[in-house]
């Protein structure tokens, strides 16, 4: 794996661990696609740093478990704003 990819993967992993960010948020911050971030965190990180990979997976699983709540709140806010 090329060095710049390893640096990128570790930077994104650090950001996710520090902020608890979702894949979508990390993609916006780093100017990459969601699929690139997902591949970096799900596949590449495992070979670069196994310990960090396991920690990032915990954050991503938590985000996945909570996504229905965020979606419901977004819909609620959308229709609340329309009603004003």
N, C-alpha and C. Protein backbone atom coordinates (compact mmCIF):
# COMPACT_ATOMS: atom_id res chain seq x y z
N UNK A 1 0.85 -1.18 0.00
CA UNK A 1 0.00 0.00 0.00
C UNK A 1 0.90 1.24 0.00
N UNK A 2 0.49 2.22 -0.76
CA UNK A 2 1.30 3.43 -0.86
C UNK A 2 1.22 4.25 0.42
N UNK A 3 2.30 4.95 0.69
CA UNK A 3 2.44 5.69 1.94
C UNK A 3 1.36 6.76 2.12
N UNK A 4 1.02 7.47 1.05
CA UNK A 4 0.02 8.53 1.20
C UNK A 4 -1.36 7.94 1.54
N UNK A 5 -1.64 6.73 1.09
CA UNK A 5 -2.91 6.09 1.44
C UNK A 5 -2.91 5.73 2.92
N UNK A 6 -1.80 5.20 3.40
CA UNK A 6 -1.69 4.86 4.82
C UNK A 6 -1.87 6.11 5.69
N UNK A 7 -1.23 7.21 5.30
CA UNK A 7 -1.38 8.47 6.05
C UNK A 7 -2.84 8.91 6.07
N UNK A 8 -3.48 8.86 4.91
CA UNK A 8 -4.88 9.27 4.80
C UNK A 8 -5.78 8.41 5.69
N UNK A 9 -5.57 7.11 5.64
CA UNK A 9 -6.39 6.19 6.44
C UNK A 9 -6.22 6.49 7.92
N UNK A 10 -5.01 6.70 8.36
CA UNK A 10 -4.76 6.98 9.78
C UNK A 10 -5.33 8.34 10.19
N UNK A 11 -5.26 9.32 9.30
CA UNK A 11 -5.84 10.64 9.59
C UNK A 11 -7.35 10.54 9.78
N UNK A 12 -8.01 9.86 8.88
CA UNK A 12 -9.46 9.71 8.96
C UNK A 12 -9.84 8.91 10.21
N UNK A 13 -9.10 7.85 10.48
CA UNK A 13 -9.37 7.04 11.67
C UNK A 13 -9.24 7.88 12.94
N UNK A 14 -8.20 8.69 13.01
CA UNK A 14 -8.00 9.56 14.17
C UNK A 14 -9.16 10.55 14.30
N UNK A 15 -9.60 11.10 13.19
CA UNK A 15 -10.72 12.05 13.21
C UNK A 15 -12.00 11.37 13.72
N UNK A 16 -12.27 10.18 13.24
CA UNK A 16 -13.47 9.46 13.66
C UNK A 16 -13.39 9.12 15.15
N UNK A 17 -12.23 8.70 15.61
CA UNK A 17 -12.08 8.37 17.03
C UNK A 17 -12.20 9.61 17.91
N UNK A 18 -11.66 10.72 17.45
CA UNK A 18 -11.68 11.96 18.24
C UNK A 18 -13.08 12.56 18.32
N UNK A 19 -13.79 12.55 17.19
CA UNK A 19 -15.07 13.25 17.12
C UNK A 19 -16.29 12.34 17.18
N UNK A 20 -16.09 11.06 16.93
CA UNK A 20 -17.23 10.15 16.85
C UNK A 20 -18.02 10.36 15.57
N UNK A 21 -17.37 10.90 14.55
CA UNK A 21 -18.03 11.26 13.30
C UNK A 21 -18.55 10.04 12.55
N UNK A 22 -19.57 10.28 11.74
CA UNK A 22 -20.09 9.25 10.85
C UNK A 22 -19.22 9.20 9.59
N UNK A 23 -19.41 8.16 8.80
CA UNK A 23 -18.69 8.03 7.53
C UNK A 23 -19.03 9.22 6.64
N UNK A 24 -20.31 9.61 6.62
CA UNK A 24 -20.74 10.73 5.78
C UNK A 24 -20.06 12.03 6.20
N UNK A 25 -19.99 12.28 7.49
CA UNK A 25 -19.35 13.50 7.98
C UNK A 25 -17.86 13.50 7.66
N UNK A 26 -17.21 12.38 7.89
CA UNK A 26 -15.78 12.27 7.59
C UNK A 26 -15.53 12.49 6.10
N UNK A 27 -16.40 11.96 5.26
CA UNK A 27 -16.25 12.14 3.82
C UNK A 27 -16.33 13.62 3.44
N UNK A 28 -17.25 14.35 4.05
CA UNK A 28 -17.38 15.78 3.77
C UNK A 28 -16.14 16.53 4.23
N UNK A 29 -15.69 16.23 5.43
CA UNK A 29 -14.53 16.93 6.00
C UNK A 29 -13.27 16.70 5.16
N UNK A 30 -13.06 15.47 4.71
CA UNK A 30 -11.83 15.14 3.99
C UNK A 30 -11.98 15.24 2.47
N UNK A 31 -13.17 15.60 2.01
CA UNK A 31 -13.38 15.78 0.58
C UNK A 31 -13.27 14.51 -0.23
N UNK A 32 -13.76 13.41 0.33
CA UNK A 32 -13.72 12.11 -0.34
C UNK A 32 -15.12 11.53 -0.39
N UNK A 33 -15.28 10.46 -1.13
CA UNK A 33 -16.58 9.80 -1.19
C UNK A 33 -16.79 8.94 0.05
N UNK A 34 -18.06 8.68 0.34
CA UNK A 34 -18.39 7.82 1.47
C UNK A 34 -17.83 6.42 1.26
N UNK A 35 -17.84 5.96 0.02
CA UNK A 35 -17.35 4.61 -0.25
C UNK A 35 -15.84 4.50 -0.01
N UNK A 36 -15.10 5.57 -0.30
CA UNK A 36 -13.65 5.57 -0.03
C UNK A 36 -13.39 5.52 1.47
N UNK A 37 -14.11 6.35 2.22
CA UNK A 37 -13.95 6.35 3.67
C UNK A 37 -14.31 4.98 4.23
N UNK A 38 -15.41 4.42 3.76
CA UNK A 38 -15.84 3.10 4.26
C UNK A 38 -14.80 2.04 3.95
N UNK A 39 -14.29 2.03 2.73
CA UNK A 39 -13.26 1.04 2.36
C UNK A 39 -12.00 1.22 3.20
N UNK A 40 -11.60 2.48 3.40
CA UNK A 40 -10.43 2.75 4.23
C UNK A 40 -10.61 2.21 5.64
N UNK A 41 -11.79 2.46 6.24
CA UNK A 41 -12.01 2.08 7.63
C UNK A 41 -12.32 0.59 7.78
N UNK A 42 -12.97 0.00 6.80
CA UNK A 42 -13.38 -1.41 6.91
C UNK A 42 -12.32 -2.38 6.42
N UNK A 43 -11.50 -1.98 5.47
CA UNK A 43 -10.54 -2.92 4.90
C UNK A 43 -9.09 -2.51 5.11
N UNK A 44 -8.74 -1.31 4.71
CA UNK A 44 -7.32 -0.91 4.75
C UNK A 44 -6.78 -0.74 6.15
N UNK A 45 -7.58 -0.13 7.03
CA UNK A 45 -7.11 0.14 8.39
C UNK A 45 -6.75 -1.15 9.13
N UNK A 46 -7.46 -2.22 8.85
CA UNK A 46 -7.22 -3.51 9.49
C UNK A 46 -5.77 -3.96 9.32
N UNK A 47 -5.20 -3.69 8.15
CA UNK A 47 -3.83 -4.11 7.85
C UNK A 47 -2.79 -3.09 8.30
N UNK A 48 -3.21 -1.86 8.49
CA UNK A 48 -2.27 -0.81 8.90
C UNK A 48 -2.09 -0.80 10.41
N UNK A 49 -3.23 -0.82 11.14
CA UNK A 49 -3.17 -0.77 12.60
C UNK A 49 -4.40 -1.46 13.17
N UNK A 50 -4.24 -2.69 13.58
CA UNK A 50 -5.36 -3.54 14.03
C UNK A 50 -6.06 -2.95 15.25
N UNK A 51 -5.33 -2.39 16.20
CA UNK A 51 -5.93 -1.82 17.40
C UNK A 51 -6.82 -0.63 17.08
N UNK A 52 -6.33 0.25 16.23
CA UNK A 52 -7.12 1.41 15.81
C UNK A 52 -8.34 0.95 15.03
N UNK A 53 -8.16 -0.05 14.20
CA UNK A 53 -9.28 -0.61 13.43
C UNK A 53 -10.41 -1.05 14.36
N UNK A 54 -10.07 -1.76 15.41
CA UNK A 54 -11.09 -2.26 16.34
C UNK A 54 -11.81 -1.11 17.05
N UNK A 55 -11.08 -0.07 17.40
CA UNK A 55 -11.69 1.10 18.04
C UNK A 55 -12.61 1.85 17.08
N UNK A 56 -12.16 2.02 15.84
CA UNK A 56 -12.98 2.71 14.84
C UNK A 56 -14.25 1.91 14.57
N UNK A 57 -14.14 0.59 14.52
CA UNK A 57 -15.32 -0.24 14.27
C UNK A 57 -16.37 -0.06 15.37
N UNK A 58 -15.93 0.12 16.61
CA UNK A 58 -16.87 0.37 17.71
C UNK A 58 -17.65 1.66 17.46
N UNK A 59 -16.94 2.72 17.05
CA UNK A 59 -17.59 4.01 16.78
C UNK A 59 -18.56 3.87 15.62
N UNK A 60 -18.14 3.21 14.55
CA UNK A 60 -18.99 3.06 13.38
C UNK A 60 -20.22 2.21 13.68
N UNK A 61 -20.07 1.18 14.48
CA UNK A 61 -21.22 0.36 14.87
C UNK A 61 -22.21 1.16 15.72
N UNK A 62 -21.69 2.00 16.60
CA UNK A 62 -22.54 2.87 17.41
C UNK A 62 -23.31 3.82 16.51
N UNK A 63 -22.61 4.42 15.55
CA UNK A 63 -23.27 5.33 14.60
C UNK A 63 -24.34 4.61 13.80
N UNK A 64 -24.05 3.39 13.39
CA UNK A 64 -25.02 2.62 12.61
C UNK A 64 -26.25 2.30 13.45
N UNK A 65 -26.04 1.99 14.71
CA UNK A 65 -27.16 1.67 15.60
C UNK A 65 -28.04 2.90 15.86
N UNK A 66 -27.45 4.08 15.80
CA UNK A 66 -28.19 5.31 16.10
C UNK A 66 -28.74 6.01 14.86
N UNK A 67 -28.46 5.52 13.68
CA UNK A 67 -28.82 6.27 12.47
C UNK A 67 -30.31 6.44 12.30
N UNK A 68 -31.10 5.48 12.75
CA UNK A 68 -32.55 5.63 12.61
C UNK A 68 -33.07 6.78 13.47
N UNK A 69 -32.39 7.05 14.57
CA UNK A 69 -32.78 8.17 15.44
C UNK A 69 -32.45 9.49 14.75
N UNK A 70 -31.23 9.59 14.18
CA UNK A 70 -30.85 10.81 13.47
C UNK A 70 -31.76 11.06 12.29
N UNK A 71 -32.13 10.01 11.57
CA UNK A 71 -33.03 10.16 10.43
C UNK A 71 -34.40 10.65 10.85
N UNK A 72 -34.90 10.11 11.96
CA UNK A 72 -36.20 10.54 12.47
C UNK A 72 -36.18 12.00 12.91
N UNK A 73 -35.10 12.41 13.54
CA UNK A 73 -34.98 13.81 13.96
C UNK A 73 -34.89 14.74 12.76
N UNK A 74 -34.18 14.32 11.73
CA UNK A 74 -34.06 15.15 10.53
C UNK A 74 -35.43 15.32 9.87
N UNK A 75 -36.20 14.24 9.80
CA UNK A 75 -37.54 14.32 9.22
C UNK A 75 -38.43 15.20 10.07
N UNK A 76 -38.36 15.04 11.36
CA UNK A 76 -39.15 15.86 12.28
C UNK A 76 -38.84 17.34 12.08
N UNK A 77 -37.57 17.67 12.04
CA UNK A 77 -37.16 19.07 11.87
C UNK A 77 -37.58 19.61 10.50
N UNK A 78 -37.53 18.77 9.49
CA UNK A 78 -37.92 19.20 8.14
C UNK A 78 -39.38 19.61 8.12
N UNK A 79 -40.24 18.78 8.67
CA UNK A 79 -41.67 19.08 8.63
C UNK A 79 -42.06 20.13 9.64
N UNK A 80 -41.31 20.22 10.71
CA UNK A 80 -41.55 21.29 11.68
C UNK A 80 -41.27 22.65 11.04
N UNK A 81 -40.18 22.74 10.27
CA UNK A 81 -39.81 23.98 9.59
C UNK A 81 -40.83 24.32 8.50
N UNK A 82 -41.40 23.33 7.85
CA UNK A 82 -42.38 23.56 6.79
C UNK A 82 -43.70 24.10 7.35
N UNK A 83 -43.99 23.73 8.59
CA UNK A 83 -45.25 24.13 9.21
C UNK A 83 -45.27 25.55 9.72
N UNK A 84 -44.13 26.18 9.80
CA UNK A 84 -44.06 27.55 10.35
C UNK A 84 -44.56 28.57 9.39
